[in-house]
């Protein structure tokens, strides 16, 4: 990546949602193909190798002769006439509309929850559009961030029967962690003692910030893990089975990838289980919080979204909800206006 197209302030803001641009149309003479980064869109990373942009949307393309006709985005000028042009000024309103729709649909308004839902949709949508292998090799976070969110609110806020999405909105205290033992993994996805399916996790939080510490200005870190455990010789052994996604390409050194991911206030995890995983005693969900040295942060609020999907189309939604209730957990549907309209 040439530094000339690196994102600049204020696009590298830690808590903001930064939007990049991808092409909607292409031609034999266009510089890039459909869904590739627009020639004018800037790339990350942000400060301390933070994932930036956060998401992308359609902002247009351009030909090798610098023509935008047939490659740009349609809009209205100040006189109400239809015009065609390009720019992140087209991509950003599309992204804002999706975020605003999510926030408006929530009965209880929550900016962090809406942000987490938007990012979660982007990751799932990118995997659906490209396939896992291409998503990992091509759609890296340098220009795509976490991806392109789905277009329709119903696709973002609702699950199909072959998947279930669970939202955790909690806080974790300094020097401690939160654990959820005996997580009810869908029985339909267990065959001959092995678990299958596809798992997505998205974690979002607003860290404590202090500009006096330079590139260590993010003072708190929250991490999630989801995996299996077993008891052996009176001790519990836990293994995380869903890895954090590495959104940078291999041109960035591994220590930088790890360091940037650790302090990133948005983290995504994904695994498509093809060969099966043995879960002798069960699954566990865990959230940990750490601080920079000398920092006193009593607690950190976070939102964690977990989606489990059956690629074969089995109805696991009803199954896992009933399992949660049988284990004594209180399960409530996310209250949205969309849900209310459908009941009428």
Foldseek 3Di string as FASTA:
>chain_A
DDPVQEDDPPQLPQPDQHEFAFWCCDDPFWPDHGPHGAPNTGWDDHQLRAQPNQAYFHFWTAGPVRDGVVTFDWDADPVRDIDGDGDCVVTVVQLVVLLVQQQQFFPDGDNQVSVQLQLQQAQVVLCVVQPDVCCQAPQFRGRGNSGHGDRDNCSSQDDDLQKAKDKDWDKDFEPDKDKDPQQPDQPVQADPQFGFFKKKKKKAFDAQADPVVPSCRRFKFKDKFKFAWDADPNDIDTDGDWDWRQRDDPVDDPVSSVSNQRSRRMTMTIDGGDPTDHHPRHMMMMMDMYGDPPDHDGMTIMMMMMMTGDPVDDRRHVVSVVVCVVVPHDDDRRRTVVVVVVVD
